[in-house]
Amino acid sequence: MSATYERERQNNARLDELASKVSALRGVTIDIYDQARNHEVIDQTTDTFSSIGSQLKGSATRLGRMAASGNKVAILKLSGILIGSFLVIYYLYRLFVG
């Protein structure tokens, strides 16, 4: 009978070792998944900023062409819109932050 108990004890010990290895593997798998998800978010953010950059470049090019054409009314309207937008953003910032 003592050999049976000894084998049972060994089996339980090995089962505990296996459970700890499975737990460690699960932790590594979760870490890998989190890292992959973080990289996906970084890639999406990079794509968004690239898109914004190309849009700003296109807008700057169009503004340069408009300024070069000498259309003073359009330039005044654009200046008014830019100054007005800046003031609205400034006052909203002061209202909520400061």
C-alpha atoms as a PDB file:
ATOM      1  CA  MET A   1       0.000   0.000   0.000  1.00  0.00           C
ATOM      2  CA  SER A   2       2.797   2.424   0.720  1.00  0.00           C
ATOM      3  CA  ALA A   3       4.029   2.194  -2.911  1.00  0.00           C
ATOM      4  CA  THR A   4       0.539   3.222  -4.083  1.00  0.00           C
ATOM      5  CA  TYR A   5       0.525   6.240  -1.801  1.00  0.00           C
ATOM      6  CA  GLU A   6       4.026   7.180  -2.920  1.00  0.00           C
ATOM      7  CA  ARG A   7       2.954   7.056  -6.593  1.00  0.00           C
ATOM      8  CA  GLU A   8      -0.140   9.115  -5.798  1.00  0.00           C
ATOM      9  CA  ARG A   9       2.026  11.701  -4.051  1.00  0.00           C
ATOM     10  CA  GLN A  10       4.418  11.804  -7.041  1.00  0.00           C
ATOM     11  CA  ASN A  11       1.489  12.157  -9.436  1.00  0.00           C
ATOM     12  CA  ASN A  12       0.085  15.020  -7.394  1.00  0.00           C
ATOM     13  CA  ALA A  13       3.476  16.741  -7.317  1.00  0.00           C
ATOM     14  CA  ARG A  14       3.871  16.408 -11.079  1.00  0.00           C
ATOM     15  CA  LEU A  15       0.313  17.595 -11.597  1.00  0.00           C
ATOM     16  CA  ASP A  16       1.093  20.696  -9.526  1.00  0.00           C
ATOM     17  CA  GLU A  17       4.249  21.304 -11.593  1.00  0.00           C
ATOM     18  CA  LEU A  18       2.262  20.952 -14.801  1.00  0.00           C
ATOM     19  CA  ALA A  19      -0.411  23.338 -13.512  1.00  0.00           C
ATOM     20  CA  SER A  20       2.232  25.963 -12.698  1.00  0.00           C
ATOM     21  CA  LYS A  21       3.776  25.584 -16.179  1.00  0.00           C
ATOM     22  CA  VAL A  22       0.365  25.946 -17.819  1.00  0.00           C
ATOM     23  CA  SER A  23      -0.288  29.046 -15.711  1.00  0.00           C
ATOM     24  CA  ALA A  24       3.058  30.540 -16.760  1.00  0.00           C
ATOM     25  CA  LEU A  25       2.309  29.752 -20.411  1.00  0.00           C
ATOM     26  CA  ARG A  26      -1.089  31.407 -20.086  1.00  0.00           C
ATOM     27  CA  GLY A  27       0.583  34.516 -18.674  1.00  0.00           C
ATOM     28  CA  VAL A  28       3.056  34.642 -21.555  1.00  0.00           C
ATOM     29  CA  THR A  29       0.232  34.200 -24.066  1.00  0.00           C
ATOM     30  CA  ILE A  30      -1.717  37.077 -22.514  1.00  0.00           C
ATOM     31  CA  ASP A  31       1.394  39.282 -22.562  1.00  0.00           C
ATOM     32  CA  ILE A  32       1.970  38.500 -26.250  1.00  0.00           C
ATOM     33  CA  TYR A  33      -1.659  39.336 -27.029  1.00  0.00           C
ATOM     34  CA  ASP A  34      -1.411  42.647 -25.158  1.00  0.00           C
ATOM     35  CA  GLN A  35       1.792  43.566 -26.994  1.00  0.00           C
ATOM     36  CA  ALA A  36       0.219  42.747 -30.361  1.00  0.00           C
ATOM     37  CA  ARG A  37      -2.813  44.867 -29.516  1.00  0.00           C
ATOM     38  CA  ASN A  38      -0.559  47.763 -28.453  1.00  0.00           C
ATOM     39  CA  HIS A  39       1.308  47.563 -31.773  1.00  0.00           C
ATOM     40  CA  GLU A  40      -1.999  47.625 -33.649  1.00  0.00           C
ATOM     41  CA  VAL A  41      -3.024  50.801 -31.813  1.00  0.00           C
ATOM     42  CA  ILE A  42       0.359  52.373 -32.571  1.00  0.00           C
ATOM     43  CA  ASP A  43       0.012  51.462 -36.259  1.00  0.00           C
ATOM     44  CA  GLN A  44      -3.467  52.979 -36.411  1.00  0.00           C
ATOM     45  CA  THR A  45      -2.246  56.155 -34.727  1.00  0.00           C
ATOM     46  CA  THR A  46       0.680  56.393 -37.143  1.00  0.00           C
ATOM     47  CA  ASP A  47      -1.682  55.993 -40.103  1.00  0.00           C
ATOM     48  CA  THR A  48      -3.973  58.690 -38.713  1.00  0.00           C
ATOM     49  CA  PHE A  49      -1.116  61.158 -38.237  1.00  0.00           C
ATOM     50  CA  SER A  50       0.202  60.397 -41.723  1.00  0.00           C
ATOM     51  CA  SER A  51      -3.226  61.124 -43.153  1.00  0.00           C
ATOM     52  CA  ILE A  52      -3.497  64.383 -41.222  1.00  0.00           C
ATOM     53  CA  GLY A  53      -0.010  65.377 -42.391  1.00  0.00           C
ATOM     54  CA  SER A  54      -0.852  64.811 -46.051  1.00  0.00           C
ATOM     55  CA  GLN A  55      -4.111  66.733 -45.671  1.00  0.00           C
ATOM     56  CA  LEU A  56      -2.302  69.665 -44.059  1.00  0.00           C
ATOM     57  CA  LYS A  57       0.294  69.640 -46.817  1.00  0.00           C
ATOM     58  CA  GLY A  58      -2.441  69.749 -49.449  1.00  0.00           C
ATOM     59  CA  SER A  59      -4.188  72.599 -47.637  1.00  0.00           C
ATOM     60  CA  ALA A  60      -0.955  74.554 -47.360  1.00  0.00           C
ATOM     61  CA  THR A  61      -0.335  74.086 -51.071  1.00  0.00           C
ATOM     62  CA  ARG A  62      -3.805  75.360 -51.928  1.00  0.00           C
ATOM     63  CA  LEU A  63      -3.380  78.322 -49.573  1.00  0.00           C
ATOM     64  CA  GLY A  64      -0.065  79.178 -51.205  1.00  0.00           C
ATOM     65  CA  ARG A  65      -1.652  79.098 -54.652  1.00  0.00           C
ATOM     66  CA  MET A  66      -4.521  81.293 -53.440  1.00  0.00           C
ATOM     67  CA  ALA A  67      -2.130  83.797 -51.889  1.00  0.00           C
ATOM     68  CA  ALA A  68      -0.019  83.837 -55.036  1.00  0.00           C
ATOM     69  CA  SER A  69      -3.074  84.581 -57.167  1.00  0.00           C
ATOM     70  CA  GLY A  70      -3.586  87.832 -55.257  1.00  0.00           C
ATOM     71  CA  ASN A  71      -7.282  87.365 -54.397  1.00  0.00           C
ATOM     72  CA  LYS A  72      -7.400  89.813 -51.478  1.00  0.00           C
ATOM     73  CA  VAL A  73     -11.026  89.099 -50.490  1.00  0.00           C
ATOM     74  CA  ALA A  74     -10.340  85.362 -50.172  1.00  0.00           C
ATOM     75  CA  ILE A  75      -7.193  86.050 -48.168  1.00  0.00           C
ATOM     76  CA  LEU A  76      -9.102  88.343 -45.781  1.00  0.00           C
ATOM     77  CA  LYS A  77     -11.865  85.746 -45.348  1.00  0.00           C
ATOM     78  CA  LEU A  78      -9.307  83.039 -44.644  1.00  0.00           C
ATOM     79  CA  SER A  79      -7.472  85.253 -42.169  1.00  0.00           C
ATOM     80  CA  GLY A  80     -10.741  86.017 -40.372  1.00  0.00           C
ATOM     81  CA  ILE A  81     -11.634  82.331 -40.174  1.00  0.00           C
ATOM     82  CA  LEU A  82      -8.203  81.406 -38.808  1.00  0.00           C
ATOM     83  CA  ILE A  83      -8.198  84.184 -36.207  1.00  0.00           C
ATOM     84  CA  GLY A  84     -11.790  83.388 -35.194  1.00  0.00           C
ATOM     85  CA  SER A  85     -11.013  79.677 -34.874  1.00  0.00           C
ATOM     86  CA  PHE A  86      -7.977  80.416 -32.748  1.00  0.00           C
ATOM     87  CA  LEU A  87      -9.974  82.686 -30.435  1.00  0.00           C
ATOM     88  CA  VAL A  88     -12.774  80.121 -30.009  1.00  0.00           C
ATOM     89  CA  ILE A  89     -10.290  77.363 -29.195  1.00  0.00           C
ATOM     90  CA  TYR A  90      -8.415  79.672 -26.801  1.00  0.00           C
ATOM     91  CA  TYR A  91     -11.552  80.672 -24.885  1.00  0.00           C
ATOM     92  CA  LEU A  92     -12.792  77.077 -24.724  1.00  0.00           C
ATOM     93  CA  TYR A  93      -9.404  76.014 -23.389  1.00  0.00           C
ATOM     94  CA  ARG A  94      -9.470  78.770 -20.765  1.00  0.00           C
ATOM     95  CA  LEU A  95     -13.039  77.853 -19.823  1.00  0.00           C
ATOM     96  CA  PHE A  96     -12.391  74.152 -19.270  1.00  0.00           C
ATOM     97  CA  VAL A  97      -8.756  74.051 -18.161  1.00  0.00           C
ATOM     98  CA  GLY A  98      -7.885  77.326 -16.585  1.00  0.00           C
END
